């Protein structure tokens, strides 16, 4: 408000908001779509292979976003187009970093589903694939929603990967906040910060509601 009263010109930042939403949604869908079979294998078919795959997914916790981003820049530069300087490279970085976040939420829900439910469905004549689609997936819905919301939330605030891997004309709310703050334009940085808080409030509300903090 002080910046506006002093004549500061503030932009709407519609493009940056749309880019942040696009990145967060693509990352959430990619992560959740990948962790569902991993969670199913690690819980229902526990063996050396499924345990190895699960442990590989959790390596994102040990990798700083800067290290992941620099590595992807190096490999993408060797390949060139259409990988280098594409949004899909940025999605891949966020996928690696936040895969454990989505896997933890889905796997914890899978552990609460009794395997006898699947067995009962199969005894009634349904195959394994049909049982997974019509029985297991609906029961996994709370974990899927929770995992997607958390991945969406953490992706919205990602900065190092965005600065290193985003295309030249691709700016997000976090990159706008960093750019304005580094140049001491705090009034301009306040607007994308408020927009980021507003957009992040939707998945945050889902998380709090799931935890029992209802309005």
N, C-alpha and C. Protein backbone atom coordinates (compact mmCIF):
# COMPACT_ATOMS: atom_id res chain seq x y z
N UNK A 1 0.83 -1.21 0.00
CA UNK A 1 0.00 0.00 0.00
C UNK A 1 0.86 1.26 0.00
N UNK A 2 1.97 1.23 0.70
CA UNK A 2 2.87 2.38 0.69
C UNK A 2 3.47 2.58 -0.70
N UNK A 3 3.76 1.49 -1.38
CA UNK A 3 4.31 1.60 -2.72
C UNK A 3 3.30 2.19 -3.70
N UNK A 4 2.04 1.77 -3.60
CA UNK A 4 1.01 2.30 -4.48
C UNK A 4 0.77 3.78 -4.19
N UNK A 5 0.74 4.14 -2.91
CA UNK A 5 0.52 5.54 -2.55
C UNK A 5 1.67 6.43 -3.00
N UNK A 6 2.86 5.82 -3.18
CA UNK A 6 4.02 6.60 -3.64
C UNK A 6 4.13 6.63 -5.15
N UNK A 7 3.14 6.07 -5.84
CA UNK A 7 3.13 6.10 -7.29
C UNK A 7 3.84 4.93 -7.95
N UNK A 8 4.09 3.86 -7.21
CA UNK A 8 4.75 2.68 -7.79
C UNK A 8 3.82 1.99 -8.78
N UNK A 9 4.34 1.68 -9.96
CA UNK A 9 3.55 1.01 -10.98
C UNK A 9 3.69 -0.50 -10.80
N UNK A 10 2.56 -1.16 -10.53
CA UNK A 10 2.56 -2.60 -10.30
C UNK A 10 1.90 -3.31 -11.47
N UNK A 11 2.53 -4.37 -11.96
CA UNK A 11 1.97 -5.15 -13.06
C UNK A 11 1.10 -6.27 -12.49
N UNK A 12 0.19 -6.76 -13.32
CA UNK A 12 -0.75 -7.78 -12.88
C UNK A 12 -0.07 -9.13 -12.72
N UNK A 13 0.96 -9.41 -13.52
CA UNK A 13 1.71 -10.66 -13.45
C UNK A 13 0.83 -11.87 -13.78
N UNK A 14 -0.06 -11.70 -14.76
CA UNK A 14 -0.92 -12.81 -15.15
C UNK A 14 -0.11 -13.95 -15.75
N UNK A 15 0.89 -13.60 -16.57
CA UNK A 15 1.72 -14.62 -17.20
C UNK A 15 2.52 -15.43 -16.19
N UNK A 16 3.11 -14.75 -15.21
CA UNK A 16 3.88 -15.45 -14.18
C UNK A 16 2.98 -16.35 -13.34
N UNK A 17 1.78 -15.88 -13.04
CA UNK A 17 0.84 -16.70 -12.26
C UNK A 17 0.44 -17.94 -13.04
N UNK A 18 0.16 -17.76 -14.33
CA UNK A 18 -0.22 -18.90 -15.17
C UNK A 18 0.93 -19.90 -15.29
N UNK A 19 2.15 -19.39 -15.43
CA UNK A 19 3.31 -20.27 -15.53
C UNK A 19 3.52 -21.07 -14.24
N UNK A 20 3.34 -20.42 -13.09
CA UNK A 20 3.48 -21.11 -11.81
C UNK A 20 2.43 -22.20 -11.66
N UNK A 21 1.20 -21.89 -12.03
CA UNK A 21 0.13 -22.88 -11.96
C UNK A 21 0.39 -24.03 -12.91
N UNK A 22 0.84 -23.72 -14.12
CA UNK A 22 1.12 -24.76 -15.11
C UNK A 22 2.21 -25.70 -14.62
N UNK A 23 3.30 -25.14 -14.10
CA UNK A 23 4.40 -25.96 -13.59
C UNK A 23 3.94 -26.82 -12.43
N UNK A 24 3.18 -26.25 -11.49
CA UNK A 24 2.73 -26.99 -10.32
C UNK A 24 1.76 -28.10 -10.70
N UNK A 25 0.86 -27.82 -11.63
CA UNK A 25 -0.11 -28.83 -12.04
C UNK A 25 0.57 -29.97 -12.80
N UNK A 26 1.46 -29.63 -13.73
CA UNK A 26 2.17 -30.67 -14.48
C UNK A 26 3.01 -31.54 -13.57
N UNK A 27 3.68 -30.92 -12.62
CA UNK A 27 4.49 -31.70 -11.67
C UNK A 27 3.62 -32.59 -10.81
N UNK A 28 2.51 -32.08 -10.31
CA UNK A 28 1.62 -32.87 -9.46
C UNK A 28 1.07 -34.07 -10.20
N UNK A 29 0.60 -33.84 -11.42
CA UNK A 29 0.03 -34.94 -12.21
C UNK A 29 1.09 -35.99 -12.52
N UNK A 30 2.29 -35.54 -12.90
CA UNK A 30 3.36 -36.46 -13.23
C UNK A 30 3.80 -37.27 -12.01
N UNK A 31 3.94 -36.61 -10.89
CA UNK A 31 4.38 -37.30 -9.67
C UNK A 31 3.34 -38.31 -9.21
N UNK A 32 2.09 -37.89 -9.11
CA UNK A 32 1.04 -38.79 -8.63
C UNK A 32 0.84 -39.96 -9.57
N UNK A 33 0.87 -39.69 -10.88
CA UNK A 33 0.74 -40.78 -11.84
C UNK A 33 1.86 -41.79 -11.75
N UNK A 34 3.03 -41.37 -11.30
CA UNK A 34 4.18 -42.27 -11.19
C UNK A 34 4.22 -43.02 -9.87
N UNK A 35 3.76 -42.37 -8.79
CA UNK A 35 3.91 -43.00 -7.48
C UNK A 35 2.82 -44.02 -7.18
N UNK A 36 1.70 -43.98 -7.89
CA UNK A 36 0.63 -44.95 -7.62
C UNK A 36 1.10 -46.38 -7.86
N UNK A 37 1.69 -46.72 -9.02
CA UNK A 37 2.18 -48.09 -9.18
C UNK A 37 3.33 -48.44 -8.25
N UNK A 38 4.17 -47.45 -7.93
CA UNK A 38 5.28 -47.71 -7.00
C UNK A 38 4.74 -48.03 -5.61
N UNK A 39 3.76 -47.25 -5.16
CA UNK A 39 3.16 -47.51 -3.85
C UNK A 39 2.47 -48.87 -3.81
N UNK A 40 1.81 -49.23 -4.89
CA UNK A 40 1.12 -50.52 -4.95
C UNK A 40 2.12 -51.67 -4.89
N UNK A 41 3.20 -51.55 -5.64
CA UNK A 41 4.21 -52.61 -5.63
C UNK A 41 4.90 -52.73 -4.27
N UNK A 42 5.23 -51.59 -3.68
CA UNK A 42 5.98 -51.62 -2.42
C UNK A 42 5.14 -52.14 -1.26
N UNK A 43 3.82 -52.03 -1.35
CA UNK A 43 2.95 -52.49 -0.26
C UNK A 43 2.39 -53.88 -0.53
N UNK A 44 1.89 -54.10 -1.75
CA UNK A 44 1.23 -55.37 -2.06
C UNK A 44 2.19 -56.47 -2.50
N UNK A 45 3.28 -56.08 -3.13
CA UNK A 45 4.24 -57.07 -3.65
C UNK A 45 5.64 -56.70 -3.17
N UNK A 46 5.87 -56.86 -1.90
CA UNK A 46 7.14 -56.48 -1.30
C UNK A 46 8.22 -57.49 -1.65
N UNK A 47 9.22 -57.07 -2.40
CA UNK A 47 10.37 -57.92 -2.74
C UNK A 47 11.58 -57.02 -2.97
N UNK A 48 12.65 -57.62 -3.44
CA UNK A 48 13.89 -56.86 -3.62
C UNK A 48 13.71 -55.77 -4.67
N UNK A 49 13.05 -56.11 -5.77
CA UNK A 49 12.90 -55.14 -6.86
C UNK A 49 12.03 -53.96 -6.44
N UNK A 50 10.88 -54.23 -5.82
CA UNK A 50 9.99 -53.14 -5.40
C UNK A 50 10.65 -52.28 -4.32
N UNK A 51 11.41 -52.93 -3.42
CA UNK A 51 12.13 -52.15 -2.41
C UNK A 51 13.19 -51.27 -3.02
N UNK A 52 13.86 -51.76 -4.06
CA UNK A 52 14.88 -50.97 -4.74
C UNK A 52 14.27 -49.77 -5.45
N UNK A 53 13.13 -50.00 -6.11
CA UNK A 53 12.45 -48.90 -6.80
C UNK A 53 11.98 -47.84 -5.80
N UNK A 54 11.45 -48.29 -4.68
CA UNK A 54 10.98 -47.35 -3.65
C UNK A 54 12.12 -46.52 -3.10
N UNK A 55 13.25 -47.16 -2.82
CA UNK A 55 14.40 -46.42 -2.29
C UNK A 55 14.94 -45.44 -3.32
N UNK A 56 14.92 -45.82 -4.59
CA UNK A 56 15.38 -44.92 -5.65
C UNK A 56 14.50 -43.67 -5.73
N UNK A 57 13.19 -43.84 -5.47
CA UNK A 57 12.29 -42.69 -5.52
C UNK A 57 12.58 -41.70 -4.39
N UNK A 58 13.06 -42.19 -3.26
CA UNK A 58 13.31 -41.33 -2.11
C UNK A 58 14.67 -40.63 -2.17
N UNK A 59 15.43 -40.85 -3.22
CA UNK A 59 16.72 -40.16 -3.33
C UNK A 59 16.55 -38.65 -3.52
N UNK A 60 15.35 -38.22 -3.93
CA UNK A 60 15.10 -36.80 -4.08
C UNK A 60 15.26 -36.02 -2.79
N UNK A 61 15.05 -36.70 -1.65
CA UNK A 61 15.23 -36.03 -0.36
C UNK A 61 16.68 -35.67 -0.10
N UNK A 62 17.60 -36.44 -0.68
CA UNK A 62 19.03 -36.23 -0.41
C UNK A 62 19.69 -35.31 -1.44
N UNK A 63 18.96 -34.91 -2.46
CA UNK A 63 19.55 -34.12 -3.54
C UNK A 63 19.10 -32.67 -3.44
N UNK A 64 20.02 -31.73 -3.31
CA UNK A 64 19.64 -30.31 -3.35
C UNK A 64 19.14 -29.94 -4.74
N UNK A 65 18.23 -29.00 -4.79
CA UNK A 65 17.66 -28.59 -6.08
C UNK A 65 18.72 -27.99 -6.99
N UNK A 66 19.73 -27.35 -6.39
CA UNK A 66 20.80 -26.78 -7.21
C UNK A 66 21.58 -27.89 -7.92
N UNK A 67 21.89 -28.97 -7.20
CA UNK A 67 22.64 -30.07 -7.79
C UNK A 67 21.84 -30.74 -8.90
N UNK A 68 20.55 -30.96 -8.66
CA UNK A 68 19.69 -31.56 -9.69
C UNK A 68 19.61 -30.66 -10.92
N UNK A 69 19.45 -29.38 -10.70
CA UNK A 69 19.32 -28.44 -11.81
C UNK A 69 20.60 -28.38 -12.65
N UNK A 70 21.75 -28.29 -12.00
CA UNK A 70 23.02 -28.23 -12.74
C UNK A 70 23.24 -29.51 -13.54
N UNK A 71 22.91 -30.65 -12.95
CA UNK A 71 23.07 -31.91 -13.66
C UNK A 71 22.18 -31.97 -14.90
N UNK A 72 20.93 -31.53 -14.76
CA UNK A 72 20.02 -31.55 -15.91
C UNK A 72 20.43 -30.55 -16.97
N UNK A 73 20.98 -29.42 -16.55
CA UNK A 73 21.48 -28.45 -17.53
C UNK A 73 22.61 -29.08 -18.36
N UNK A 74 23.50 -29.80 -17.70
CA UNK A 74 24.62 -30.43 -18.39
C UNK A 74 24.14 -31.46 -19.40
N UNK A 75 23.26 -32.36 -18.96
CA UNK A 75 22.78 -33.42 -19.85
C UNK A 75 21.92 -32.87 -20.97
N UNK A 76 21.07 -31.88 -20.66
CA UNK A 76 20.23 -31.31 -21.70
C UNK A 76 21.04 -30.54 -22.73
N UNK A 77 22.12 -29.91 -22.29
CA UNK A 77 22.98 -29.19 -23.23
C UNK A 77 23.66 -30.15 -24.21
N UNK A 78 23.93 -31.37 -23.76
CA UNK A 78 24.52 -32.36 -24.65
C UNK A 78 23.52 -32.84 -25.69
N UNK A 79 22.25 -32.92 -25.27
CA UNK A 79 21.21 -33.40 -26.19
C UNK A 79 20.74 -32.28 -27.11
N UNK A 80 20.56 -31.10 -26.55
CA UNK A 80 20.07 -29.97 -27.34
C UNK A 80 18.56 -29.98 -27.45
N UNK A 81 18.07 -29.41 -28.52
CA UNK A 81 16.62 -29.34 -28.74
C UNK A 81 16.09 -30.74 -29.03
N UNK A 82 14.81 -31.01 -28.66
CA UNK A 82 13.83 -30.12 -28.03
C UNK A 82 13.84 -30.14 -26.51
N UNK A 83 14.84 -30.79 -25.90
CA UNK A 83 14.87 -30.91 -24.44
C UNK A 83 15.41 -29.64 -23.79
N UNK A 84 16.51 -29.14 -24.32
CA UNK A 84 17.16 -27.99 -23.69
C UNK A 84 16.26 -26.76 -23.78
N UNK A 85 16.20 -25.99 -22.69
CA UNK A 85 15.40 -24.77 -22.59
C UNK A 85 13.91 -25.04 -22.86
N UNK A 86 13.41 -26.15 -22.34
CA UNK A 86 11.99 -26.47 -22.45
C UNK A 86 11.39 -26.60 -21.06
N UNK A 87 10.09 -26.42 -20.97
CA UNK A 87 9.42 -26.52 -19.68
C UNK A 87 9.46 -27.95 -19.15
N UNK A 88 9.58 -28.92 -20.06
CA UNK A 88 9.58 -30.31 -19.63
C UNK A 88 10.85 -30.65 -18.84
N UNK A 89 11.93 -29.97 -19.12
CA UNK A 89 13.14 -30.16 -18.34
C UNK A 89 12.94 -29.64 -16.92
N UNK A 90 12.24 -28.53 -16.79
CA UNK A 90 11.93 -27.98 -15.48
C UNK A 90 10.97 -28.90 -14.72
N UNK A 91 9.99 -29.45 -15.42
CA UNK A 91 9.07 -30.40 -14.80
C UNK A 91 9.83 -31.64 -14.32
N UNK A 92 10.79 -32.08 -15.11
CA UNK A 92 11.59 -33.25 -14.72
C UNK A 92 12.37 -32.98 -13.44
N UNK A 93 12.93 -31.78 -13.32
CA UNK A 93 13.67 -31.43 -12.10
C UNK A 93 12.75 -31.44 -10.88
N UNK A 94 11.58 -30.82 -11.00
CA UNK A 94 10.63 -30.82 -9.89
C UNK A 94 10.13 -32.23 -9.61
N UNK A 95 10.00 -33.04 -10.65
CA UNK A 95 9.58 -34.43 -10.47
C UNK A 95 10.59 -35.20 -9.62
N UNK A 96 11.86 -35.02 -9.91
CA UNK A 96 12.91 -35.71 -9.13
C UNK A 96 12.93 -35.23 -7.70
N UNK A 97 12.76 -33.92 -7.51
CA UNK A 97 12.86 -33.35 -6.17
C UNK A 97 11.67 -33.70 -5.28
N UNK A 98 10.48 -33.76 -5.87
CA UNK A 98 9.27 -33.91 -5.07
C UNK A 98 8.57 -35.25 -5.25
N UNK A 99 9.22 -36.17 -5.92
CA UNK A 99 8.68 -37.53 -6.01
C UNK A 99 8.51 -38.18 -4.63
N UNK A 100 9.46 -38.03 -3.71
CA UNK A 100 9.26 -38.61 -2.37
C UNK A 100 8.06 -38.02 -1.64
N UNK A 101 7.76 -36.75 -1.88
CA UNK A 101 6.63 -36.12 -1.20
C UNK A 101 5.32 -36.77 -1.60
N UNK A 102 5.13 -36.99 -2.90
CA UNK A 102 3.91 -37.64 -3.36
C UNK A 102 3.86 -39.10 -2.98
N UNK A 103 5.01 -39.78 -3.04
CA UNK A 103 5.04 -41.20 -2.72
C UNK A 103 4.69 -41.45 -1.26
N UNK A 104 5.17 -40.62 -0.36
CA UNK A 104 4.88 -40.80 1.05
C UNK A 104 3.40 -40.73 1.36
N UNK A 105 2.70 -39.77 0.73
CA UNK A 105 1.27 -39.61 0.99
C UNK A 105 0.46 -40.77 0.44
N UNK A 106 0.78 -41.20 -0.79
CA UNK A 106 0.03 -42.29 -1.41
C UNK A 106 0.34 -43.62 -0.74
N UNK A 107 1.58 -43.84 -0.39
CA UNK A 107 1.97 -45.12 0.23
C UNK A 107 1.34 -45.27 1.62
N UNK A 108 1.27 -44.17 2.38
CA UNK A 108 0.66 -44.26 3.70
C UNK A 108 -0.82 -44.61 3.60
N UNK A 109 -1.50 -44.13 2.56
CA UNK A 109 -2.90 -44.50 2.36
C UNK A 109 -3.03 -45.95 1.92
N UNK A 110 -2.11 -46.39 1.07
CA UNK A 110 -2.14 -47.78 0.61
C UNK A 110 -1.96 -48.75 1.77
N UNK A 111 -1.15 -48.38 2.75
CA UNK A 111 -0.93 -49.23 3.91
C UNK A 111 -2.20 -49.41 4.73
N UNK A 112 -3.12 -48.47 4.65
CA UNK A 112 -4.36 -48.54 5.42
C UNK A 112 -5.44 -49.36 4.73
N UNK A 113 -5.22 -49.72 3.46
CA UNK A 113 -6.20 -50.50 2.71
C UNK A 113 -5.90 -51.98 2.91
N UNK A 114 -6.85 -52.71 3.42
CA UNK A 114 -6.65 -54.14 3.68
C UNK A 114 -6.53 -54.91 2.37
N UNK A 115 -5.55 -55.79 2.25
CA UNK A 115 -5.45 -56.61 1.03
C UNK A 115 -6.62 -57.56 0.86
N UNK A 116 -7.38 -57.80 1.90
CA UNK A 116 -8.54 -58.68 1.79
C UNK A 116 -9.62 -58.09 0.89
N UNK A 117 -9.64 -56.76 0.78
CA UNK A 117 -10.61 -56.13 -0.12
C UNK A 117 -10.31 -56.51 -1.55
N UNK A 118 -9.04 -56.47 -1.94
CA UNK A 118 -8.66 -56.90 -3.28
C UNK A 118 -8.96 -58.38 -3.49
N UNK A 119 -8.68 -59.18 -2.49
CA UNK A 119 -8.93 -60.62 -2.60
C UNK A 119 -10.42 -60.90 -2.75
N UNK A 120 -11.25 -60.16 -2.03
CA UNK A 120 -12.70 -60.35 -2.15
C UNK A 120 -13.18 -59.98 -3.55
N UNK A 121 -12.61 -58.92 -4.12
CA UNK A 121 -13.00 -58.52 -5.47
C UNK A 121 -12.63 -59.58 -6.50
N UNK A 122 -11.48 -60.19 -6.32
CA UNK A 122 -11.04 -61.22 -7.27
C UNK A 122 -11.87 -62.49 -7.14
N UNK A 123 -12.29 -62.82 -5.92
CA UNK A 123 -13.13 -64.00 -5.76
C UNK A 123 -14.51 -63.81 -6.38
N UNK A 124 -14.91 -62.56 -6.60
CA UNK A 124 -16.18 -62.27 -7.25
C UNK A 124 -16.06 -62.23 -8.77
N UNK A 125 -14.88 -62.54 -9.27
CA UNK A 125 -14.70 -62.67 -10.71
C UNK A 125 -13.99 -61.54 -11.40
N UNK A 126 -13.53 -60.54 -10.67
CA UNK A 126 -12.82 -59.43 -11.29
C UNK A 126 -11.33 -59.73 -11.35
N UNK A 127 -10.71 -59.33 -12.46
CA UNK A 127 -9.28 -59.54 -12.62
C UNK A 127 -8.47 -58.53 -11.82
N UNK A 128 -7.15 -58.69 -11.89
CA UNK A 128 -6.27 -57.82 -11.11
C UNK A 128 -6.35 -56.37 -11.58
N UNK A 129 -6.37 -56.17 -12.91
CA UNK A 129 -6.42 -54.80 -13.44
C UNK A 129 -7.75 -54.13 -13.11
N UNK A 130 -8.83 -54.85 -13.30
CA UNK A 130 -10.16 -54.29 -13.01
C UNK A 130 -10.32 -54.01 -11.53
N UNK A 131 -9.76 -54.87 -10.69
CA UNK A 131 -9.82 -54.64 -9.24
C UNK A 131 -9.05 -53.38 -8.87
N UNK A 132 -7.89 -53.20 -9.47
CA UNK A 132 -7.08 -52.01 -9.16
C UNK A 132 -7.80 -50.73 -9.57
N UNK A 133 -8.49 -50.75 -10.70
CA UNK A 133 -9.14 -49.55 -11.20
C UNK A 133 -10.43 -49.24 -10.44
N UNK A 134 -11.24 -50.27 -10.22
CA UNK A 134 -12.57 -50.04 -9.64
C UNK A 134 -12.61 -50.11 -8.12
N UNK A 135 -11.60 -50.74 -7.50
CA UNK A 135 -11.62 -50.90 -6.04
C UNK A 135 -10.48 -50.14 -5.37
N UNK A 136 -9.25 -50.39 -5.80
CA UNK A 136 -8.09 -49.82 -5.11
C UNK A 136 -7.98 -48.31 -5.34
N UNK A 137 -8.12 -47.86 -6.57
CA UNK A 137 -7.98 -46.44 -6.86
C UNK A 137 -8.99 -45.56 -6.11
N UNK A 138 -10.28 -45.93 -6.06
CA UNK A 138 -11.20 -45.10 -5.26
C UNK A 138 -10.82 -45.03 -3.79
N UNK A 139 -10.30 -46.13 -3.24
CA UNK A 139 -9.88 -46.11 -1.85
C UNK A 139 -8.62 -45.28 -1.65
N UNK A 140 -7.83 -45.13 -2.72
CA UNK A 140 -6.60 -44.34 -2.66
C UNK A 140 -6.85 -42.84 -2.83
N UNK A 141 -8.08 -42.46 -3.10
CA UNK A 141 -8.37 -41.06 -3.43
C UNK A 141 -7.89 -40.07 -2.37
N UNK A 142 -8.09 -40.33 -1.06
CA UNK A 142 -7.58 -39.35 -0.07
C UNK A 142 -6.08 -39.16 -0.16
N UNK A 143 -5.32 -40.25 -0.34
CA UNK A 143 -3.87 -40.12 -0.46
C UNK A 143 -3.46 -39.43 -1.74
N UNK A 144 -4.20 -39.68 -2.82
CA UNK A 144 -3.89 -39.03 -4.10
C UNK A 144 -4.12 -37.53 -4.00
N UNK A 145 -5.24 -37.15 -3.39
CA UNK A 145 -5.55 -35.72 -3.24
C UNK A 145 -4.52 -35.05 -2.33
N UNK A 146 -4.20 -35.71 -1.23
CA UNK A 146 -3.22 -35.15 -0.30
C UNK A 146 -1.84 -35.02 -0.95
N UNK A 147 -1.40 -36.09 -1.61
CA UNK A 147 -0.10 -36.05 -2.26
C UNK A 147 -0.03 -35.00 -3.35
N UNK A 148 -1.10 -34.91 -4.16
CA UNK A 148 -1.13 -33.89 -5.21
C UNK A 148 -1.11 -32.49 -4.65
N UNK A 149 -1.82 -32.26 -3.55
CA UNK A 149 -1.86 -30.94 -2.94
C UNK A 149 -0.50 -30.53 -2.38
N UNK A 150 0.18 -31.48 -1.74
CA UNK A 150 1.49 -31.17 -1.17
C UNK A 150 2.51 -30.90 -2.27
N UNK A 151 2.51 -31.73 -3.31
CA UNK A 151 3.44 -31.52 -4.42
C UNK A 151 3.15 -30.18 -5.10
N UNK A 152 1.88 -29.85 -5.29
CA UNK A 152 1.50 -28.56 -5.87
C UNK A 152 2.05 -27.42 -5.03
N UNK A 153 1.90 -27.54 -3.71
CA UNK A 153 2.32 -26.46 -2.81
C UNK A 153 3.83 -26.25 -2.85
N UNK A 154 4.60 -27.32 -2.78
CA UNK A 154 6.06 -27.17 -2.74
C UNK A 154 6.61 -26.77 -4.11
N UNK A 155 5.93 -27.16 -5.19
CA UNK A 155 6.39 -26.76 -6.52
C UNK A 155 6.15 -25.27 -6.74
N UNK A 156 5.07 -24.74 -6.21
CA UNK A 156 4.77 -23.33 -6.39
C UNK A 156 5.88 -22.44 -5.84
N UNK A 157 6.57 -22.88 -4.79
CA UNK A 157 7.59 -22.04 -4.16
C UNK A 157 9.00 -22.41 -4.60
N UNK A 158 9.15 -23.28 -5.59
CA UNK A 158 10.48 -23.68 -6.05
C UNK A 158 11.16 -22.51 -6.77
N UNK A 159 12.43 -22.25 -6.42
CA UNK A 159 13.16 -21.13 -7.03
C UNK A 159 14.44 -21.56 -7.76
N UNK A 160 15.37 -22.30 -7.14
CA UNK A 160 16.64 -22.60 -7.83
C UNK A 160 16.44 -23.32 -9.16
N UNK A 161 15.57 -24.32 -9.19
CA UNK A 161 15.34 -25.05 -10.44
C UNK A 161 14.72 -24.14 -11.50
N UNK A 162 13.84 -23.24 -11.08
CA UNK A 162 13.21 -22.32 -12.02
C UNK A 162 14.24 -21.37 -12.62
N UNK A 163 15.13 -20.85 -11.79
CA UNK A 163 16.14 -19.91 -12.29
C UNK A 163 17.10 -20.58 -13.27
N UNK A 164 17.43 -21.86 -13.07
CA UNK A 164 18.43 -22.53 -13.89
C UNK A 164 17.86 -23.22 -15.12
N UNK A 165 16.61 -23.67 -15.04
CA UNK A 165 16.09 -24.55 -16.09
C UNK A 165 14.93 -23.97 -16.88
N UNK A 166 14.35 -22.89 -16.44
CA UNK A 166 13.18 -22.38 -17.15
C UNK A 166 13.58 -21.79 -18.50
N UNK A 167 12.71 -21.87 -19.50
CA UNK A 167 12.99 -21.22 -20.79
C UNK A 167 13.17 -19.71 -20.63
N UNK A 168 13.72 -19.10 -21.65
CA UNK A 168 14.07 -17.68 -21.56
C UNK A 168 12.85 -16.80 -21.32
N UNK A 169 11.71 -17.14 -21.90
CA UNK A 169 10.51 -16.32 -21.76
C UNK A 169 9.55 -16.88 -20.72
N UNK A 170 10.06 -17.70 -19.82
CA UNK A 170 9.21 -18.37 -18.82
C UNK A 170 9.58 -17.84 -17.44
N UNK A 171 8.68 -17.05 -16.85
CA UNK A 171 8.90 -16.52 -15.51
C UNK A 171 7.77 -16.98 -14.61
N UNK A 172 8.09 -17.26 -13.36
CA UNK A 172 7.10 -17.67 -12.37
C UNK A 172 7.01 -16.62 -11.28
N UNK A 173 6.09 -16.84 -10.37
CA UNK A 173 5.95 -15.89 -9.27
C UNK A 173 7.20 -15.85 -8.40
N UNK A 174 7.81 -17.01 -8.17
CA UNK A 174 9.01 -17.03 -7.34
C UNK A 174 10.17 -16.31 -8.02
N UNK A 175 10.30 -16.47 -9.33
CA UNK A 175 11.38 -15.76 -10.03
C UNK A 175 11.13 -14.25 -10.05
N UNK A 176 9.86 -13.85 -10.14
CA UNK A 176 9.54 -12.42 -10.09
C UNK A 176 9.84 -11.86 -8.70
N UNK A 177 9.50 -12.60 -7.66
CA UNK A 177 9.79 -12.15 -6.29
C UNK A 177 11.30 -12.00 -6.10
N UNK A 178 12.05 -12.99 -6.55
CA UNK A 178 13.51 -12.93 -6.41
C UNK A 178 14.10 -11.77 -7.20
N UNK A 179 13.61 -11.56 -8.41
CA UNK A 179 14.13 -10.49 -9.25
C UNK A 179 13.87 -9.11 -8.64
N UNK A 180 12.64 -8.87 -8.22
CA UNK A 180 12.31 -7.56 -7.64
C UNK A 180 13.01 -7.35 -6.30
N UNK A 181 13.09 -8.40 -5.48
CA UNK A 181 13.72 -8.25 -4.17
C UNK A 181 15.22 -7.99 -4.29
N UNK A 182 15.89 -8.65 -5.25
CA UNK A 182 17.32 -8.44 -5.42
C UNK A 182 17.64 -7.03 -5.89
N UNK A 183 16.66 -6.38 -6.53
CA UNK A 183 16.86 -5.01 -6.99
C UNK A 183 16.24 -3.99 -6.03
N UNK A 184 15.78 -4.47 -4.85
CA UNK A 184 15.22 -3.62 -3.80
C UNK A 184 13.91 -2.96 -4.21
N UNK A 185 13.17 -3.57 -5.17
CA UNK A 185 11.83 -3.09 -5.51
C UNK A 185 10.83 -3.88 -4.65
N UNK A 186 10.75 -3.53 -3.38
CA UNK A 186 9.98 -4.34 -2.44
C UNK A 186 8.48 -4.22 -2.65
N UNK A 187 8.02 -3.08 -3.11
CA UNK A 187 6.60 -2.94 -3.40
C UNK A 187 6.19 -3.83 -4.56
N UNK A 188 7.04 -3.89 -5.58
CA UNK A 188 6.75 -4.78 -6.72
C UNK A 188 6.86 -6.24 -6.32
N UNK A 189 7.77 -6.54 -5.40
CA UNK A 189 7.91 -7.93 -4.94
C UNK A 189 6.75 -8.35 -4.06
N UNK A 190 6.09 -7.39 -3.43
CA UNK A 190 4.98 -7.73 -2.53
C UNK A 190 3.79 -8.30 -3.28
N UNK A 191 3.52 -7.78 -4.47
CA UNK A 191 2.35 -8.24 -5.21
C UNK A 191 2.46 -9.71 -5.62
N UNK A 192 3.55 -10.15 -6.28
CA UNK A 192 3.64 -11.59 -6.58
C UNK A 192 3.70 -12.46 -5.33
N UNK A 193 4.21 -11.89 -4.23
CA UNK A 193 4.21 -12.66 -2.98
C UNK A 193 2.79 -12.91 -2.50
N UNK A 194 1.95 -11.88 -2.57
CA UNK A 194 0.55 -12.04 -2.17
C UNK A 194 -0.19 -12.99 -3.10
N UNK A 195 0.10 -12.89 -4.40
CA UNK A 195 -0.54 -13.80 -5.36
C UNK A 195 -0.11 -15.24 -5.09
N UNK A 196 1.16 -15.43 -4.76
CA UNK A 196 1.65 -16.78 -4.46
C UNK A 196 0.96 -17.35 -3.23
N UNK A 197 0.78 -16.52 -2.20
CA UNK A 197 0.08 -16.96 -1.00
C UNK A 197 -1.37 -17.32 -1.33
N UNK A 198 -2.00 -16.52 -2.17
CA UNK A 198 -3.40 -16.75 -2.54
C UNK A 198 -3.56 -18.06 -3.31
N UNK A 199 -2.70 -18.28 -4.30
CA UNK A 199 -2.79 -19.51 -5.10
C UNK A 199 -2.42 -20.74 -4.29
N UNK A 200 -1.52 -20.57 -3.34
CA UNK A 200 -1.11 -21.71 -2.50
C UNK A 200 -2.12 -22.02 -1.42
N UNK A 201 -3.08 -21.12 -1.20
CA UNK A 201 -4.05 -21.35 -0.13
C UNK A 201 -5.00 -22.49 -0.44
N UNK A 202 -5.21 -22.79 -1.74
CA UNK A 202 -6.14 -23.87 -2.10
C UNK A 202 -5.61 -25.23 -1.66
N UNK A 203 -4.38 -25.63 -2.09
CA UNK A 203 -3.87 -26.93 -1.58
C UNK A 203 -3.60 -26.90 -0.09
N UNK A 204 -3.23 -25.74 0.45
CA UNK A 204 -2.98 -25.66 1.89
C UNK A 204 -4.27 -25.90 2.67
N UNK A 205 -5.40 -25.41 2.15
CA UNK A 205 -6.69 -25.66 2.79
C UNK A 205 -7.01 -27.14 2.79
N UNK A 206 -6.73 -27.83 1.68
CA UNK A 206 -6.96 -29.28 1.62
C UNK A 206 -6.11 -30.02 2.65
N UNK A 207 -4.87 -29.59 2.80
CA UNK A 207 -3.97 -30.26 3.75
C UNK A 207 -4.46 -30.04 5.18
N UNK A 208 -4.83 -28.80 5.51
CA UNK A 208 -5.29 -28.51 6.86
C UNK A 208 -6.62 -29.20 7.15
N UNK A 209 -7.51 -29.26 6.16
CA UNK A 209 -8.78 -29.94 6.35
C UNK A 209 -8.56 -31.43 6.59
N UNK A 210 -7.61 -32.01 5.86
CA UNK A 210 -7.29 -33.42 6.05
C UNK A 210 -6.72 -33.66 7.43
N UNK A 211 -6.00 -32.70 7.97
CA UNK A 211 -5.38 -32.86 9.29
C UNK A 211 -6.35 -32.59 10.43
N UNK A 212 -7.57 -32.15 10.08
CA UNK A 212 -8.58 -31.95 11.12
C UNK A 212 -8.81 -30.51 11.50
N UNK A 213 -8.07 -29.58 10.89
CA UNK A 213 -8.26 -28.15 11.19
C UNK A 213 -9.32 -27.58 10.24
N UNK A 214 -10.60 -27.81 10.57
CA UNK A 214 -11.67 -27.38 9.70
C UNK A 214 -12.13 -25.98 10.09
N UNK A 215 -12.62 -25.27 9.11
CA UNK A 215 -13.03 -23.88 9.35
C UNK A 215 -14.29 -23.87 10.20
